[in-house]
């Protein structure tokens, strides 16, 4: 059996067709929205549905052999896993945004509202800017509007959410997409299986 950790939410509906194209049909897991672990014995897989930030933790610690996770999570977590393949799904970017009507002297330091304090701190440190990172779990766009932060660092796709909240994207930190990751021990001890799986998925990505 191979255990795989998949992210819950919107990206799951993009991941499953890709795996089906590669010859791994897990579509039956969509029939029970409350269940989090599926033992697909005849297919040789155990599928677990996790919050995206938990996927690399499960893979690093060996509770899952492989996983799918966004590069934003990998950069923020800095987990010790094998980053094997860009699946070219969930393509977007991590960017800095600020209120349209405000201007800042960045040299004086910034308060940054974000779900990604590590990414933010590293980015601004490289630019020589002191930051006070404020870890937020949701509604990051509200932070500068309510005065909690000067700017935000968040995932941007179309930019529509920023515009609707009076914010503008001012700098892109990095492009992101979803990646196939693997536990290091699994790769060493089940090398042939690992390679076959990666090659099939790589073929599906094109």
N, C-alpha and C. Protein backbone atom coordinates (compact mmCIF):
# COMPACT_ATOMS: atom_id res chain seq x y z
N UNK A 1 0.84 -1.20 0.00
CA UNK A 1 0.00 0.00 0.00
C UNK A 1 0.88 1.25 0.00
N UNK A 2 0.47 2.24 -0.76
CA UNK A 2 1.13 3.54 -0.78
C UNK A 2 0.16 4.55 -0.19
N UNK A 3 0.63 5.32 0.78
CA UNK A 3 -0.23 6.32 1.39
C UNK A 3 0.05 7.68 0.78
N UNK A 4 -1.02 8.39 0.45
CA UNK A 4 -0.89 9.68 -0.20
C UNK A 4 -1.72 10.72 0.53
N UNK A 5 -1.12 11.88 0.77
CA UNK A 5 -1.80 12.99 1.44
C UNK A 5 -2.19 14.03 0.40
N UNK A 6 -3.48 14.29 0.29
CA UNK A 6 -3.98 15.27 -0.66
C UNK A 6 -4.61 16.44 0.08
N UNK A 7 -4.51 17.63 -0.49
CA UNK A 7 -5.08 18.81 0.17
C UNK A 7 -6.59 18.90 -0.03
N UNK A 8 -7.29 19.20 1.04
CA UNK A 8 -8.72 19.43 0.94
C UNK A 8 -8.97 20.77 0.25
N UNK A 9 -10.19 20.94 -0.26
CA UNK A 9 -10.54 22.22 -0.85
C UNK A 9 -10.55 22.22 -2.36
N UNK A 10 -10.50 23.42 -2.92
CA UNK A 10 -10.64 23.62 -4.36
C UNK A 10 -9.61 22.86 -5.17
N UNK A 11 -8.37 22.83 -4.69
CA UNK A 11 -7.29 22.23 -5.47
C UNK A 11 -7.49 20.72 -5.65
N UNK A 12 -8.22 20.09 -4.73
CA UNK A 12 -8.44 18.64 -4.82
C UNK A 12 -9.15 18.29 -6.13
N UNK A 13 -10.06 19.15 -6.56
CA UNK A 13 -10.81 18.88 -7.79
C UNK A 13 -9.96 19.07 -9.03
N UNK A 14 -8.78 19.67 -8.88
CA UNK A 14 -7.83 19.74 -9.98
C UNK A 14 -6.86 18.57 -9.93
N UNK A 15 -6.53 18.14 -8.72
CA UNK A 15 -5.56 17.06 -8.54
C UNK A 15 -6.11 15.71 -8.98
N UNK A 16 -7.35 15.41 -8.61
CA UNK A 16 -7.92 14.09 -8.90
C UNK A 16 -7.96 13.76 -10.40
N UNK A 17 -8.38 14.68 -11.28
CA UNK A 17 -8.34 14.36 -12.72
C UNK A 17 -6.93 14.09 -13.23
N UNK A 18 -5.95 14.78 -12.67
CA UNK A 18 -4.56 14.55 -13.09
C UNK A 18 -4.11 13.15 -12.70
N UNK A 19 -4.42 12.74 -11.49
CA UNK A 19 -4.05 11.39 -11.05
C UNK A 19 -4.81 10.33 -11.86
N UNK A 20 -6.06 10.60 -12.19
CA UNK A 20 -6.84 9.66 -13.01
C UNK A 20 -6.20 9.51 -14.39
N UNK A 21 -5.75 10.60 -14.94
CA UNK A 21 -5.07 10.57 -16.24
C UNK A 21 -3.79 9.74 -16.16
N UNK A 22 -3.15 9.76 -14.98
CA UNK A 22 -1.92 8.98 -14.78
C UNK A 22 -2.21 7.51 -14.48
N UNK A 23 -3.49 7.15 -14.34
CA UNK A 23 -3.85 5.76 -14.07
C UNK A 23 -4.23 5.48 -12.64
N UNK A 24 -4.36 6.54 -11.84
CA UNK A 24 -4.73 6.38 -10.43
C UNK A 24 -6.06 7.10 -10.19
N UNK A 25 -7.13 6.34 -10.20
CA UNK A 25 -8.47 6.91 -10.07
C UNK A 25 -8.92 6.88 -8.61
N UNK A 26 -8.93 8.06 -7.98
CA UNK A 26 -9.36 8.19 -6.59
C UNK A 26 -10.69 8.93 -6.48
N UNK A 27 -11.43 9.02 -7.58
CA UNK A 27 -12.64 9.85 -7.61
C UNK A 27 -13.68 9.42 -6.58
N UNK A 28 -13.63 8.17 -6.14
CA UNK A 28 -14.61 7.68 -5.17
C UNK A 28 -14.53 8.40 -3.82
N UNK A 29 -13.40 9.04 -3.54
CA UNK A 29 -13.27 9.73 -2.25
C UNK A 29 -14.17 10.95 -2.18
N UNK A 30 -14.67 11.41 -3.32
CA UNK A 30 -15.55 12.58 -3.33
C UNK A 30 -16.97 12.24 -2.88
N UNK A 31 -17.27 10.96 -2.75
CA UNK A 31 -18.62 10.54 -2.40
C UNK A 31 -18.93 10.73 -0.91
N UNK A 32 -17.91 10.93 -0.10
CA UNK A 32 -18.11 11.13 1.34
C UNK A 32 -17.28 12.32 1.79
N UNK A 33 -17.91 13.48 1.90
CA UNK A 33 -17.20 14.72 2.18
C UNK A 33 -16.66 14.79 3.61
N UNK A 34 -17.21 13.99 4.51
CA UNK A 34 -16.78 14.05 5.91
C UNK A 34 -15.63 13.10 6.22
N UNK A 35 -15.47 12.09 5.42
CA UNK A 35 -14.42 11.10 5.67
C UNK A 35 -13.07 11.65 5.26
N UNK A 36 -12.04 11.36 6.06
CA UNK A 36 -10.72 11.93 5.82
C UNK A 36 -9.68 10.89 5.42
N UNK A 37 -9.98 9.61 5.62
CA UNK A 37 -9.02 8.56 5.28
C UNK A 37 -9.76 7.45 4.52
N UNK A 38 -9.21 7.09 3.37
CA UNK A 38 -9.83 6.08 2.51
C UNK A 38 -8.82 4.97 2.21
N UNK A 39 -9.16 3.75 2.57
CA UNK A 39 -8.30 2.61 2.28
C UNK A 39 -8.79 1.94 0.99
N UNK A 40 -8.13 2.26 -0.10
CA UNK A 40 -8.51 1.72 -1.41
C UNK A 40 -7.65 0.49 -1.66
N UNK A 41 -7.98 -0.58 -0.98
CA UNK A 41 -7.14 -1.79 -0.94
C UNK A 41 -6.89 -2.36 -2.33
N UNK A 42 -7.92 -2.46 -3.14
CA UNK A 42 -7.75 -3.06 -4.47
C UNK A 42 -6.85 -2.21 -5.38
N UNK A 43 -6.77 -0.94 -5.08
CA UNK A 43 -5.93 -0.05 -5.89
C UNK A 43 -4.54 0.13 -5.28
N UNK A 44 -4.36 -0.37 -4.06
CA UNK A 44 -3.06 -0.30 -3.41
C UNK A 44 -2.71 1.05 -2.82
N UNK A 45 -3.73 1.85 -2.49
CA UNK A 45 -3.49 3.18 -1.95
C UNK A 45 -4.31 3.45 -0.69
N UNK A 46 -3.73 4.22 0.19
CA UNK A 46 -4.46 4.85 1.29
C UNK A 46 -4.44 6.34 1.01
N UNK A 47 -5.59 6.96 0.90
CA UNK A 47 -5.69 8.38 0.59
C UNK A 47 -6.16 9.14 1.82
N UNK A 48 -5.43 10.16 2.20
CA UNK A 48 -5.79 11.01 3.33
C UNK A 48 -6.04 12.43 2.84
N UNK A 49 -7.09 13.04 3.34
CA UNK A 49 -7.41 14.42 2.99
C UNK A 49 -7.05 15.33 4.16
N UNK A 50 -6.17 16.28 3.90
CA UNK A 50 -5.63 17.13 4.97
C UNK A 50 -5.72 18.60 4.60
N UNK A 51 -5.60 19.44 5.61
CA UNK A 51 -5.43 20.86 5.33
C UNK A 51 -4.08 21.03 4.64
N UNK A 52 -3.98 21.92 3.65
CA UNK A 52 -2.74 22.06 2.88
C UNK A 52 -1.48 22.20 3.72
N UNK A 53 -1.54 22.98 4.81
CA UNK A 53 -0.35 23.20 5.62
C UNK A 53 0.09 21.94 6.37
N UNK A 54 -0.80 20.96 6.48
CA UNK A 54 -0.45 19.73 7.19
C UNK A 54 0.16 18.67 6.28
N UNK A 55 -0.03 18.80 4.97
CA UNK A 55 0.45 17.78 4.04
C UNK A 55 1.95 17.51 4.17
N UNK A 56 2.82 18.54 4.12
CA UNK A 56 4.26 18.23 4.23
C UNK A 56 4.67 17.67 5.58
N UNK A 57 3.91 17.97 6.62
CA UNK A 57 4.22 17.43 7.95
C UNK A 57 4.01 15.92 7.95
N UNK A 58 2.89 15.48 7.39
CA UNK A 58 2.59 14.05 7.32
C UNK A 58 3.61 13.31 6.45
N UNK A 59 4.01 13.94 5.34
CA UNK A 59 4.98 13.30 4.45
C UNK A 59 6.36 13.27 5.09
N UNK A 60 6.78 14.34 5.70
CA UNK A 60 8.10 14.38 6.34
C UNK A 60 8.22 13.33 7.44
N UNK A 61 7.16 13.15 8.21
CA UNK A 61 7.21 12.23 9.35
C UNK A 61 6.85 10.79 8.98
N UNK A 62 6.54 10.56 7.70
CA UNK A 62 6.31 9.20 7.25
C UNK A 62 4.90 8.67 7.42
N UNK A 63 3.98 9.52 7.87
CA UNK A 63 2.58 9.10 7.96
C UNK A 63 1.95 9.00 6.58
N UNK A 64 2.54 9.72 5.63
CA UNK A 64 2.16 9.60 4.22
C UNK A 64 3.43 9.43 3.41
N UNK A 65 3.36 8.60 2.37
CA UNK A 65 4.54 8.37 1.53
C UNK A 65 4.74 9.49 0.52
N UNK A 66 3.64 9.94 -0.04
CA UNK A 66 3.70 11.03 -1.01
C UNK A 66 2.60 12.04 -0.70
N UNK A 67 2.69 13.22 -1.31
CA UNK A 67 1.68 14.23 -1.08
C UNK A 67 1.66 15.25 -2.20
N UNK A 68 0.62 16.04 -2.20
CA UNK A 68 0.50 17.16 -3.13
C UNK A 68 0.29 18.42 -2.31
N UNK A 69 1.11 19.43 -2.59
CA UNK A 69 1.05 20.65 -1.80
C UNK A 69 1.57 21.83 -2.61
N UNK A 70 1.10 23.01 -2.28
CA UNK A 70 1.53 24.22 -2.97
C UNK A 70 2.94 24.62 -2.57
N UNK A 71 3.64 25.25 -3.50
CA UNK A 71 4.98 25.73 -3.21
C UNK A 71 4.98 26.76 -2.09
N UNK A 72 3.90 27.50 -1.94
CA UNK A 72 3.81 28.47 -0.84
C UNK A 72 3.94 27.78 0.51
N UNK A 73 3.28 26.63 0.64
CA UNK A 73 3.34 25.87 1.89
C UNK A 73 4.74 25.28 2.10
N UNK A 74 5.35 24.79 1.02
CA UNK A 74 6.70 24.23 1.12
C UNK A 74 7.71 25.29 1.57
N UNK A 75 7.59 26.47 1.00
CA UNK A 75 8.52 27.56 1.37
C UNK A 75 8.30 28.00 2.81
N UNK A 76 7.04 28.04 3.23
CA UNK A 76 6.73 28.48 4.59
C UNK A 76 7.11 27.43 5.62
N UNK A 77 6.84 26.16 5.32
CA UNK A 77 7.12 25.08 6.26
C UNK A 77 8.60 24.69 6.29
N UNK A 78 9.24 24.77 5.11
CA UNK A 78 10.64 24.35 4.98
C UNK A 78 10.81 22.90 5.46
N UNK A 79 9.88 22.04 5.06
CA UNK A 79 9.90 20.64 5.50
C UNK A 79 10.98 19.84 4.76
N UNK A 80 11.47 18.81 5.42
CA UNK A 80 12.52 17.96 4.85
C UNK A 80 11.86 16.84 4.05
N UNK A 81 11.43 17.17 2.84
CA UNK A 81 10.81 16.20 1.93
C UNK A 81 11.45 16.33 0.56
N UNK A 82 11.23 15.34 -0.27
CA UNK A 82 11.70 15.41 -1.66
C UNK A 82 10.65 16.13 -2.50
N UNK A 83 11.08 17.20 -3.11
CA UNK A 83 10.20 17.99 -3.97
C UNK A 83 10.44 17.52 -5.40
N UNK A 84 9.54 16.68 -5.92
CA UNK A 84 9.85 15.92 -7.13
C UNK A 84 9.31 16.48 -8.44
N UNK A 85 8.12 17.07 -8.41
CA UNK A 85 7.49 17.37 -9.70
C UNK A 85 6.50 18.52 -9.59
N UNK A 86 6.66 19.50 -10.48
CA UNK A 86 5.69 20.59 -10.58
C UNK A 86 4.47 20.06 -11.34
N UNK A 87 3.33 20.05 -10.68
CA UNK A 87 2.11 19.52 -11.29
C UNK A 87 1.39 20.55 -12.15
N UNK A 88 1.87 21.78 -12.10
CA UNK A 88 1.29 22.88 -12.91
C UNK A 88 -0.19 23.07 -12.63
N UNK A 89 -0.56 22.91 -11.36
CA UNK A 89 -1.92 23.13 -10.90
C UNK A 89 -1.93 24.24 -9.86
N UNK A 90 -3.07 24.90 -9.71
CA UNK A 90 -3.18 25.94 -8.69
C UNK A 90 -2.19 27.06 -8.89
N UNK A 91 -1.97 27.43 -10.14
CA UNK A 91 -0.95 28.44 -10.44
C UNK A 91 -1.40 29.83 -9.99
N UNK A 92 -0.57 30.46 -9.19
CA UNK A 92 -0.82 31.82 -8.72
C UNK A 92 0.50 32.40 -8.23
N UNK A 93 0.48 33.32 -7.32
CA UNK A 93 1.71 33.95 -6.85
C UNK A 93 1.54 34.45 -5.42
N UNK A 94 2.66 34.62 -4.74
CA UNK A 94 2.68 35.26 -3.43
C UNK A 94 3.18 36.68 -3.64
N UNK A 95 2.40 37.65 -3.21
CA UNK A 95 2.73 39.05 -3.49
C UNK A 95 2.53 39.93 -2.26
N UNK A 96 3.13 41.11 -2.36
CA UNK A 96 2.94 42.17 -1.36
C UNK A 96 1.86 43.11 -1.88
N UNK A 97 0.92 43.47 -1.03
CA UNK A 97 -0.15 44.40 -1.43
C UNK A 97 -0.35 45.44 -0.34
N UNK A 98 -0.82 46.60 -0.75
CA UNK A 98 -1.05 47.70 0.19
C UNK A 98 -2.33 48.44 -0.19
N UNK A 99 -2.86 49.28 0.72
CA UNK A 99 -4.01 50.11 0.36
C UNK A 99 -3.63 51.08 -0.75
N UNK A 100 -4.52 51.27 -1.70
CA UNK A 100 -4.23 52.13 -2.85
C UNK A 100 -3.94 53.57 -2.43
N UNK A 101 -4.55 54.02 -1.35
CA UNK A 101 -4.47 55.45 -0.99
C UNK A 101 -3.29 55.76 -0.07
N UNK A 102 -2.52 54.74 0.30
CA UNK A 102 -1.45 54.96 1.25
C UNK A 102 -0.08 54.77 0.62
N UNK A 103 0.89 55.54 1.14
CA UNK A 103 2.28 55.41 0.71
C UNK A 103 3.15 55.25 1.95
N UNK A 104 4.19 54.45 1.83
CA UNK A 104 5.03 54.15 2.99
C UNK A 104 6.49 54.40 2.69
N UNK A 105 7.21 54.79 3.73
CA UNK A 105 8.67 54.82 3.66
C UNK A 105 9.15 53.48 4.21
N UNK A 106 9.45 52.54 3.31
CA UNK A 106 9.78 51.19 3.71
C UNK A 106 11.02 51.13 4.60
N UNK A 107 11.88 52.12 4.50
CA UNK A 107 13.11 52.10 5.28
C UNK A 107 12.84 52.21 6.77
N UNK A 108 11.67 52.71 7.13
CA UNK A 108 11.32 52.85 8.55
C UNK A 108 10.74 51.57 9.15
N UNK A 109 10.63 50.53 8.33
CA UNK A 109 10.06 49.28 8.79
C UNK A 109 8.58 49.19 8.47
N UNK A 110 8.08 47.97 8.46
CA UNK A 110 6.69 47.73 8.09
C UNK A 110 6.04 46.71 9.00
N UNK A 111 4.74 46.88 9.18
CA UNK A 111 3.93 45.84 9.81
C UNK A 111 3.29 45.04 8.68
N UNK A 112 3.50 43.72 8.72
CA UNK A 112 3.05 42.87 7.61
C UNK A 112 2.04 41.85 8.13
N UNK A 113 0.83 41.91 7.61
CA UNK A 113 -0.18 40.92 7.93
C UNK A 113 -0.12 39.78 6.91
N UNK A 114 -0.06 38.54 7.37
CA UNK A 114 0.15 37.45 6.43
C UNK A 114 -0.13 36.07 7.03
N UNK A 115 -0.40 35.12 6.15
CA UNK A 115 -0.44 33.71 6.54
C UNK A 115 0.94 33.09 6.43
N UNK A 116 1.89 33.87 5.89
CA UNK A 116 3.22 33.34 5.59
C UNK A 116 4.32 34.18 6.26
N UNK A 117 4.43 34.12 7.59
CA UNK A 117 5.43 34.95 8.27
C UNK A 117 6.87 34.62 7.88
N UNK A 118 7.17 33.36 7.64
CA UNK A 118 8.55 33.00 7.28
C UNK A 118 8.94 33.51 5.90
N UNK A 119 8.04 33.32 4.94
CA UNK A 119 8.29 33.84 3.59
C UNK A 119 8.44 35.35 3.64
N UNK A 120 7.55 36.00 4.38
CA UNK A 120 7.56 37.46 4.46
C UNK A 120 8.85 37.98 5.08
N UNK A 121 9.21 37.39 6.22
CA UNK A 121 10.40 37.85 6.92
C UNK A 121 11.65 37.69 6.07
N UNK A 122 11.79 36.55 5.41
CA UNK A 122 12.95 36.30 4.58
C UNK A 122 13.01 37.26 3.40
N UNK A 123 11.85 37.52 2.79
CA UNK A 123 11.81 38.41 1.63
C UNK A 123 12.24 39.83 2.00
N UNK A 124 11.66 40.35 3.08
CA UNK A 124 11.98 41.73 3.46
C UNK A 124 13.38 41.85 4.04
N UNK A 125 13.86 40.82 4.71
CA UNK A 125 15.24 40.84 5.20
C UNK A 125 16.23 40.94 4.06
N UNK A 126 15.94 40.24 2.96
CA UNK A 126 16.81 40.31 1.78
C UNK A 126 16.84 41.71 1.18
N UNK A 127 15.79 42.47 1.43
CA UNK A 127 15.72 43.85 0.93
C UNK A 127 16.20 44.85 1.97
N UNK A 128 16.63 44.33 3.13
CA UNK A 128 17.14 45.20 4.19
C UNK A 128 16.07 45.99 4.91
N UNK A 129 14.84 45.45 4.94
CA UNK A 129 13.72 46.15 5.56
C UNK A 129 13.30 45.41 6.83
N UNK A 130 13.21 46.13 7.93
CA UNK A 130 12.74 45.55 9.19
C UNK A 130 11.23 45.40 9.15
N UNK A 131 10.74 44.23 9.56
CA UNK A 131 9.29 44.02 9.54
C UNK A 131 8.81 43.42 10.85
N UNK A 132 7.60 43.77 11.18
CA UNK A 132 6.86 43.14 12.28
C UNK A 132 5.80 42.28 11.62
N UNK A 133 6.01 40.97 11.59
CA UNK A 133 5.05 40.09 10.92
C UNK A 133 3.93 39.70 11.87
N UNK A 134 2.72 39.84 11.39
CA UNK A 134 1.53 39.54 12.17
C UNK A 134 0.86 38.33 11.53
N UNK A 135 0.90 37.19 12.20
CA UNK A 135 0.36 35.94 11.65
C UNK A 135 -1.16 35.96 11.69
N UNK A 136 -1.76 35.80 10.52
CA UNK A 136 -3.21 35.77 10.39
C UNK A 136 -3.63 34.48 9.70
N UNK A 137 -4.82 33.99 10.02
CA UNK A 137 -5.30 32.74 9.45
C UNK A 137 -6.29 32.95 8.32
N UNK A 138 -6.92 34.10 8.28
CA UNK A 138 -7.91 34.35 7.24
C UNK A 138 -8.23 35.82 7.13
N UNK A 139 -8.94 36.20 6.05
CA UNK A 139 -9.31 37.60 5.81
C UNK A 139 -8.11 38.54 5.96
N UNK A 140 -7.01 38.14 5.36
CA UNK A 140 -5.78 38.92 5.44
C UNK A 140 -5.99 40.32 4.88
N UNK A 141 -6.86 40.45 3.89
CA UNK A 141 -7.09 41.75 3.24
C UNK A 141 -7.60 42.81 4.21
N UNK A 142 -8.20 42.38 5.31
CA UNK A 142 -8.74 43.34 6.30
C UNK A 142 -7.65 44.02 7.12
N UNK A 143 -6.49 43.39 7.21
CA UNK A 143 -5.45 43.88 8.11
C UNK A 143 -5.05 45.33 7.85
N UNK A 144 -4.70 45.72 6.62
CA UNK A 144 -4.33 47.12 6.40
C UNK A 144 -5.53 48.06 6.42
N UNK A 145 -6.70 47.54 6.10
CA UNK A 145 -7.90 48.38 6.10
C UNK A 145 -8.25 48.80 7.53
N UNK A 146 -8.06 47.90 8.47
CA UNK A 146 -8.39 48.17 9.88
C UNK A 146 -7.21 48.73 10.67
N UNK A 147 -6.05 48.83 10.02
CA UNK A 147 -4.89 49.42 10.69
C UNK A 147 -4.02 48.44 11.45
N UNK A 148 -4.31 47.15 11.35
CA UNK A 148 -3.48 46.16 12.02
C UNK A 148 -2.09 46.09 11.39
N UNK A 149 -2.07 46.24 10.06
CA UNK A 149 -0.80 46.17 9.35
C UNK A 149 -0.70 47.29 8.31
N UNK A 150 0.51 47.51 7.82
CA UNK A 150 0.72 48.47 6.74
C UNK A 150 0.49 47.83 5.39
N UNK A 151 0.98 46.59 5.25
CA UNK A 151 0.85 45.85 4.00
C UNK A 151 0.48 44.41 4.33
N UNK A 152 0.18 43.65 3.29
CA UNK A 152 -0.05 42.22 3.47
C UNK A 152 0.82 41.44 2.50
N UNK A 153 1.09 40.20 2.84
CA UNK A 153 1.70 39.24 1.93
C UNK A 153 0.73 38.09 1.83
N UNK A 154 0.25 37.84 0.61
CA UNK A 154 -0.80 36.84 0.45
C UNK A 154 -0.75 36.23 -0.95
N UNK A 155 -1.52 35.17 -1.13
CA UNK A 155 -1.65 34.54 -2.44
C UNK A 155 -2.54 35.40 -3.33
N UNK A 156 -2.09 35.62 -4.55
CA UNK A 156 -2.86 36.41 -5.52
C UNK A 156 -3.04 35.58 -6.78
N UNK A 157 -4.26 35.54 -7.26
CA UNK A 157 -4.53 34.86 -8.52
C UNK A 157 -4.91 35.89 -9.57
N UNK A 158 -6.16 36.31 -9.58
CA UNK A 158 -6.59 37.34 -10.53
C UNK A 158 -6.39 38.75 -9.98
N UNK A 159 -6.30 38.87 -8.66
CA UNK A 159 -6.18 40.18 -8.03
C UNK A 159 -7.52 40.83 -7.74
N UNK A 160 -8.61 40.13 -8.07
CA UNK A 160 -9.94 40.71 -7.90
C UNK A 160 -10.28 40.96 -6.43
N UNK A 161 -9.90 40.02 -5.55
CA UNK A 161 -10.18 40.21 -4.12
C UNK A 161 -9.45 41.43 -3.58
N UNK A 162 -8.22 41.65 -4.02
CA UNK A 162 -7.49 42.84 -3.61
C UNK A 162 -8.22 44.11 -4.05
N UNK A 163 -8.60 44.15 -5.30
CA UNK A 163 -9.25 45.34 -5.84
C UNK A 163 -10.56 45.65 -5.12
N UNK A 164 -11.32 44.60 -4.83
CA UNK A 164 -12.61 44.81 -4.16
C UNK A 164 -12.44 45.33 -2.74
N UNK A 165 -11.26 45.16 -2.18
CA UNK A 165 -10.99 45.63 -0.82
C UNK A 165 -10.06 46.84 -0.79
N UNK A 166 -9.94 47.51 -1.93
CA UNK A 166 -9.18 48.75 -1.99
C UNK A 166 -7.68 48.57 -1.88
N UNK A 167 -7.18 47.38 -2.26
CA UNK A 167 -5.75 47.11 -2.18
C UNK A 167 -5.15 46.98 -3.57
N UNK A 168 -3.85 47.16 -3.65
CA UNK A 168 -3.16 46.98 -4.92
C UNK A 168 -1.89 46.15 -4.71
N UNK A 169 -1.63 45.30 -5.67
CA UNK A 169 -0.43 44.46 -5.65
C UNK A 169 0.76 45.32 -6.05
N UNK A 170 1.79 45.34 -5.22
CA UNK A 170 2.94 46.21 -5.52
C UNK A 170 4.23 45.45 -5.81
N UNK A 171 4.35 44.22 -5.31
CA UNK A 171 5.54 43.43 -5.61
C UNK A 171 5.20 41.94 -5.58
N UNK A 172 5.72 41.21 -6.54
CA UNK A 172 5.56 39.75 -6.54
C UNK A 172 6.77 39.13 -5.85
N UNK A 173 6.51 38.28 -4.88
CA UNK A 173 7.60 37.58 -4.19
C UNK A 173 8.00 36.33 -4.97
N UNK A 174 7.03 35.53 -5.36
CA UNK A 174 7.34 34.32 -6.12
C UNK A 174 6.10 33.75 -6.77
N UNK A 175 6.30 33.02 -7.86
CA UNK A 175 5.22 32.26 -8.48
C UNK A 175 5.08 30.93 -7.74
N UNK A 176 3.86 30.43 -7.67
CA UNK A 176 3.64 29.17 -6.98
C UNK A 176 2.69 28.28 -7.77
N UNK A 177 2.80 26.99 -7.54
CA UNK A 177 1.90 25.99 -8.09
C UNK A 177 1.99 24.77 -7.18
N UNK A 178 1.23 23.75 -7.48
CA UNK A 178 1.23 22.55 -6.64
C UNK A 178 2.32 21.58 -7.08
N UNK A 179 2.94 20.92 -6.09
CA UNK A 179 4.05 20.01 -6.35
C UNK A 179 3.76 18.63 -5.77
N UNK A 180 4.35 17.61 -6.39
CA UNK A 180 4.35 16.26 -5.84
C UNK A 180 5.55 16.14 -4.93
N UNK A 181 5.32 15.77 -3.68
CA UNK A 181 6.42 15.60 -2.73
C UNK A 181 6.44 14.16 -2.23
N UNK A 182 7.58 13.75 -1.69
CA UNK A 182 7.74 12.35 -1.27
C UNK A 182 8.59 12.25 -0.02
N UNK A 183 8.26 11.29 0.81
CA UNK A 183 9.05 11.00 2.00
C UNK A 183 10.40 10.40 1.58
N UNK A 184 11.47 10.86 2.19
CA UNK A 184 12.82 10.43 1.79
C UNK A 184 13.04 8.93 2.00
N UNK A 185 12.56 8.40 3.10
CA UNK A 185 12.74 6.97 3.39
C UNK A 185 11.96 6.12 2.39
N UNK A 186 10.76 6.54 2.07
CA UNK A 186 9.96 5.81 1.07
C UNK A 186 10.70 5.77 -0.27
N UNK A 187 11.29 6.89 -0.66
CA UNK A 187 12.01 6.95 -1.93
C UNK A 187 13.20 5.99 -1.94
N UNK A 188 13.89 5.86 -0.81
CA UNK A 188 15.06 4.99 -0.74
C UNK A 188 14.67 3.51 -0.68
N UNK A 189 13.67 3.20 0.12
CA UNK A 189 13.34 1.78 0.37
C UNK A 189 12.40 1.18 -0.68
N UNK A 190 11.67 2.05 -1.37
CA UNK A 190 10.74 1.55 -2.41
C UNK A 190 10.98 2.32 -3.70
N UNK A 191 12.24 2.34 -4.07
CA UNK A 191 12.72 3.18 -5.17
C UNK A 191 11.99 2.89 -6.48
N UNK A 192 11.84 1.62 -6.83
CA UNK A 192 11.21 1.27 -8.10
C UNK A 192 9.76 1.74 -8.15
N UNK A 193 9.01 1.45 -7.07
CA UNK A 193 7.62 1.90 -7.01
C UNK A 193 7.53 3.42 -7.12
N UNK A 194 8.42 4.09 -6.41
CA UNK A 194 8.43 5.55 -6.41
C UNK A 194 8.67 6.11 -7.80
N UNK A 195 9.64 5.54 -8.50
CA UNK A 195 9.98 6.02 -9.84
C UNK A 195 8.85 5.79 -10.83
N UNK A 196 8.20 4.64 -10.74
CA UNK A 196 7.09 4.33 -11.64
C UNK A 196 5.96 5.34 -11.42
N UNK A 197 5.65 5.59 -10.15
CA UNK A 197 4.57 6.52 -9.83
C UNK A 197 4.88 7.92 -10.36
N UNK A 198 6.10 8.38 -10.10
CA UNK A 198 6.49 9.73 -10.55
C UNK A 198 6.44 9.84 -12.07
N UNK A 199 6.92 8.81 -12.76
CA UNK A 199 6.94 8.85 -14.22
C UNK A 199 5.53 8.87 -14.80
N UNK A 200 4.61 8.12 -14.19
CA UNK A 200 3.23 8.12 -14.66
C UNK A 200 2.59 9.49 -14.47
N UNK A 201 2.82 10.08 -13.32
CA UNK A 201 2.24 11.40 -13.06
C UNK A 201 2.90 12.46 -13.94
N UNK A 202 4.19 12.32 -14.15
CA UNK A 202 4.90 13.25 -15.04
C UNK A 202 4.33 13.19 -16.44
N UNK A 203 4.01 11.98 -16.89
CA UNK A 203 3.41 11.82 -18.22
C UNK A 203 2.04 12.47 -18.31
N UNK A 204 1.29 12.43 -17.21
CA UNK A 204 -0.04 13.05 -17.19
C UNK A 204 0.05 14.57 -17.20
N UNK A 205 1.09 15.09 -16.55
CA UNK A 205 1.28 16.55 -16.52
C UNK A 205 1.60 17.06 -17.92
N UNK A 206 2.42 16.27 -18.66
CA UNK A 206 2.77 16.62 -20.04
C UNK A 206 3.94 17.60 -20.12
